[in-house]
Amino acid sequence: MSIEELYERYVKPLPARDRLRLVSITTEDLSRETAEHEDSRTRSLLDYEGIAKDNPVGVDAQEYVTSLRSEWDHRP
């Protein structure tokens, strides 16, 4: 059953007050899920400290990445 069919069959016939309550419950549930998901992905800027410390200033980023990749090809 599609969401549209579900809505037409079960939600649309409900009184406006009940549909609003359903929206409220759904919104609260989604907000909670989103907050939990974002909390698990939240990082501090300090987590990235030193991540590119070997990247020399003034070198083109693509050239730097290309040189790193060529090093990988020559590793045992």
N, C-alpha and C. Protein backbone atom coordinates (compact mmCIF):
# COMPACT_ATOMS: atom_id res chain seq x y z
N MET A 1 0.86 -1.18 0.00
CA MET A 1 0.00 0.00 0.00
C MET A 1 0.90 1.24 0.00
N SER A 2 0.61 2.18 -0.86
CA SER A 2 1.42 3.40 -0.94
C SER A 2 1.03 4.37 0.18
N ILE A 3 1.87 5.33 0.41
CA ILE A 3 1.60 6.35 1.42
C ILE A 3 0.32 7.11 1.07
N GLU A 4 0.14 7.38 -0.21
CA GLU A 4 -1.06 8.10 -0.64
C GLU A 4 -2.32 7.30 -0.35
N GLU A 5 -2.27 5.99 -0.62
CA GLU A 5 -3.42 5.13 -0.33
C GLU A 5 -3.68 5.05 1.16
N LEU A 6 -2.62 4.95 1.92
CA LEU A 6 -2.73 4.92 3.38
C LEU A 6 -3.42 6.19 3.88
N TYR A 7 -2.99 7.31 3.35
CA TYR A 7 -3.58 8.59 3.75
C TYR A 7 -5.07 8.63 3.38
N GLU A 8 -5.37 8.31 2.15
CA GLU A 8 -6.76 8.38 1.69
C GLU A 8 -7.67 7.44 2.49
N ARG A 9 -7.18 6.26 2.81
CA ARG A 9 -8.01 5.26 3.47
C ARG A 9 -8.16 5.51 4.97
N TYR A 10 -7.05 5.88 5.65
CA TYR A 10 -7.08 5.92 7.11
C TYR A 10 -6.98 7.31 7.73
N VAL A 11 -6.24 8.20 7.09
CA VAL A 11 -6.00 9.49 7.72
C VAL A 11 -7.04 10.53 7.30
N LYS A 12 -7.30 10.64 6.04
CA LYS A 12 -8.22 11.67 5.53
C LYS A 12 -9.61 11.61 6.18
N PRO A 13 -10.14 10.43 6.43
CA PRO A 13 -11.48 10.38 7.06
C PRO A 13 -11.51 10.86 8.52
N LEU A 14 -10.35 10.97 9.16
CA LEU A 14 -10.32 11.40 10.56
C LEU A 14 -10.74 12.86 10.68
N PRO A 15 -11.30 13.23 11.82
CA PRO A 15 -11.61 14.64 12.06
C PRO A 15 -10.32 15.47 12.05
N ALA A 16 -10.44 16.75 11.74
CA ALA A 16 -9.28 17.64 11.64
C ALA A 16 -8.45 17.61 12.92
N ARG A 17 -9.09 17.58 14.07
CA ARG A 17 -8.38 17.57 15.36
C ARG A 17 -7.48 16.34 15.46
N ASP A 18 -7.97 15.18 15.05
CA ASP A 18 -7.18 13.95 15.11
C ASP A 18 -6.04 13.97 14.09
N ARG A 19 -6.29 14.53 12.92
CA ARG A 19 -5.22 14.63 11.92
C ARG A 19 -4.12 15.56 12.40
N LEU A 20 -4.49 16.67 13.06
CA LEU A 20 -3.49 17.57 13.62
C LEU A 20 -2.67 16.87 14.70
N ARG A 21 -3.33 16.09 15.51
CA ARG A 21 -2.62 15.33 16.56
C ARG A 21 -1.66 14.33 15.94
N LEU A 22 -2.09 13.70 14.85
CA LEU A 22 -1.23 12.75 14.14
C LEU A 22 0.01 13.47 13.58
N VAL A 23 -0.18 14.67 13.03
CA VAL A 23 0.94 15.46 12.53
C VAL A 23 1.89 15.80 13.68
N SER A 24 1.32 16.18 14.81
CA SER A 24 2.13 16.53 15.97
C SER A 24 2.97 15.34 16.45
N ILE A 25 2.35 14.20 16.55
CA ILE A 25 3.05 12.99 16.99
C ILE A 25 4.17 12.64 16.00
N THR A 26 3.86 12.71 14.73
CA THR A 26 4.84 12.39 13.69
C THR A 26 6.00 13.38 13.73
N THR A 27 5.69 14.67 13.89
CA THR A 27 6.73 15.70 13.95
C THR A 27 7.64 15.48 15.16
N GLU A 28 7.06 15.19 16.30
CA GLU A 28 7.87 14.94 17.50
C GLU A 28 8.77 13.73 17.32
N ASP A 29 8.24 12.69 16.71
CA ASP A 29 9.00 11.48 16.48
C ASP A 29 10.17 11.74 15.52
N LEU A 30 9.90 12.46 14.44
CA LEU A 30 10.96 12.78 13.48
C LEU A 30 12.00 13.71 14.08
N SER A 31 11.57 14.65 14.89
CA SER A 31 12.52 15.56 15.54
C SER A 31 13.45 14.80 16.46
N ARG A 32 12.90 13.86 17.19
CA ARG A 32 13.71 13.04 18.11
C ARG A 32 14.72 12.20 17.32
N GLU A 33 14.26 11.57 16.24
CA GLU A 33 15.15 10.76 15.41
C GLU A 33 16.25 11.60 14.80
N THR A 34 15.89 12.78 14.29
CA THR A 34 16.87 13.66 13.67
C THR A 34 17.89 14.12 14.68
N ALA A 35 17.44 14.49 15.87
CA ALA A 35 18.35 14.95 16.91
C ALA A 35 19.31 13.84 17.32
N GLU A 36 18.82 12.63 17.46
CA GLU A 36 19.67 11.50 17.83
C GLU A 36 20.71 11.23 16.75
N HIS A 37 20.28 11.32 15.49
CA HIS A 37 21.18 11.07 14.38
C HIS A 37 22.25 12.16 14.29
N GLU A 38 21.86 13.41 14.48
CA GLU A 38 22.82 14.51 14.42
C GLU A 38 23.79 14.47 15.59
N ASP A 39 23.32 14.06 16.76
CA ASP A 39 24.20 13.96 17.93
C ASP A 39 25.29 12.93 17.68
N SER A 40 24.96 11.85 17.00
CA SER A 40 25.96 10.81 16.76
C SER A 40 26.97 11.24 15.71
N ARG A 41 26.64 12.24 14.88
CA ARG A 41 27.55 12.68 13.83
C ARG A 41 28.25 13.98 14.17
N THR A 42 27.90 14.63 15.25
CA THR A 42 28.47 15.91 15.59
C THR A 42 29.95 15.76 15.93
N ARG A 43 30.75 16.60 15.32
CA ARG A 43 32.19 16.59 15.58
C ARG A 43 32.63 17.99 15.94
N SER A 44 33.68 18.04 16.70
CA SER A 44 34.29 19.31 17.05
C SER A 44 35.30 19.67 15.97
N LEU A 45 35.50 20.94 15.76
CA LEU A 45 36.52 21.38 14.83
C LEU A 45 37.89 20.86 15.24
N LEU A 46 38.08 20.70 16.54
CA LEU A 46 39.36 20.20 17.04
C LEU A 46 39.62 18.75 16.64
N ASP A 47 38.58 18.01 16.26
CA ASP A 47 38.77 16.63 15.81
C ASP A 47 39.60 16.59 14.53
N TYR A 48 39.63 17.68 13.81
CA TYR A 48 40.35 17.73 12.53
C TYR A 48 41.74 18.36 12.66
N GLU A 49 42.14 18.69 13.87
CA GLU A 49 43.43 19.32 14.08
C GLU A 49 44.56 18.42 13.56
N GLY A 50 45.43 19.00 12.74
CA GLY A 50 46.58 18.29 12.23
C GLY A 50 46.31 17.34 11.09
N ILE A 51 45.10 17.33 10.56
CA ILE A 51 44.74 16.36 9.53
C ILE A 51 45.52 16.59 8.23
N ALA A 52 45.89 17.82 7.95
CA ALA A 52 46.65 18.11 6.72
C ALA A 52 47.95 18.82 7.06
N LYS A 53 48.57 18.44 8.14
CA LYS A 53 49.76 19.14 8.61
C LYS A 53 50.93 19.03 7.64
N ASP A 54 50.95 17.99 6.81
CA ASP A 54 52.05 17.81 5.87
C ASP A 54 51.80 18.49 4.53
N ASN A 55 50.65 19.10 4.35
CA ASN A 55 50.33 19.78 3.09
C ASN A 55 51.06 21.11 3.05
N PRO A 56 52.05 21.25 2.18
CA PRO A 56 52.80 22.50 2.14
C PRO A 56 51.94 23.65 1.62
N VAL A 57 52.11 24.79 2.23
CA VAL A 57 51.37 25.98 1.84
C VAL A 57 51.79 26.37 0.43
N GLY A 58 50.82 26.73 -0.39
CA GLY A 58 51.11 27.19 -1.74
C GLY A 58 51.09 26.11 -2.79
N VAL A 59 50.95 24.84 -2.40
CA VAL A 59 50.89 23.75 -3.37
C VAL A 59 49.43 23.54 -3.75
N ASP A 60 49.19 23.40 -5.03
CA ASP A 60 47.83 23.15 -5.52
C ASP A 60 47.29 21.86 -4.90
N ALA A 61 46.06 21.90 -4.46
CA ALA A 61 45.46 20.74 -3.78
C ALA A 61 45.45 19.51 -4.67
N GLN A 62 45.10 19.68 -5.94
CA GLN A 62 45.06 18.52 -6.84
C GLN A 62 46.45 17.94 -7.06
N GLU A 63 47.45 18.79 -7.17
CA GLU A 63 48.83 18.31 -7.32
C GLU A 63 49.24 17.52 -6.07
N TYR A 64 48.86 18.01 -4.91
CA TYR A 64 49.19 17.34 -3.66
C TYR A 64 48.56 15.95 -3.60
N VAL A 65 47.29 15.87 -3.96
CA VAL A 65 46.59 14.58 -3.94
C VAL A 65 47.21 13.63 -4.96
N THR A 66 47.53 14.14 -6.13
CA THR A 66 48.16 13.31 -7.15
C THR A 66 49.49 12.75 -6.67
N SER A 67 50.28 13.58 -5.99
CA SER A 67 51.57 13.09 -5.48
C SER A 67 51.37 12.02 -4.41
N LEU A 68 50.36 12.19 -3.55
CA LEU A 68 50.07 11.16 -2.54
C LEU A 68 49.68 9.85 -3.21
N ARG A 69 48.86 9.93 -4.22
CA ARG A 69 48.42 8.71 -4.92
C ARG A 69 49.59 8.02 -5.60
N SER A 70 50.49 8.78 -6.17
CA SER A 70 51.64 8.16 -6.82
C SER A 70 52.52 7.46 -5.79
N GLU A 71 52.60 8.01 -4.57
CA GLU A 71 53.34 7.34 -3.51
C GLU A 71 52.72 5.99 -3.17
N TRP A 72 51.40 5.92 -3.19
CA TRP A 72 50.71 4.66 -2.87
C TRP A 72 51.06 3.58 -3.90
N ASP A 73 51.20 3.99 -5.15
CA ASP A 73 51.51 3.03 -6.21
C ASP A 73 52.89 2.42 -6.03
N HIS A 74 53.81 3.13 -5.37
CA HIS A 74 55.18 2.66 -5.21
C HIS A 74 55.42 1.96 -3.88
N ARG A 75 54.42 1.89 -3.04
CA ARG A 75 54.59 1.22 -1.74
C ARG A 75 54.51 -0.28 -1.91
N PRO A 76 55.25 -1.02 -1.08
CA PRO A 76 55.22 -2.49 -1.17
C PRO A 76 53.90 -3.07 -0.68
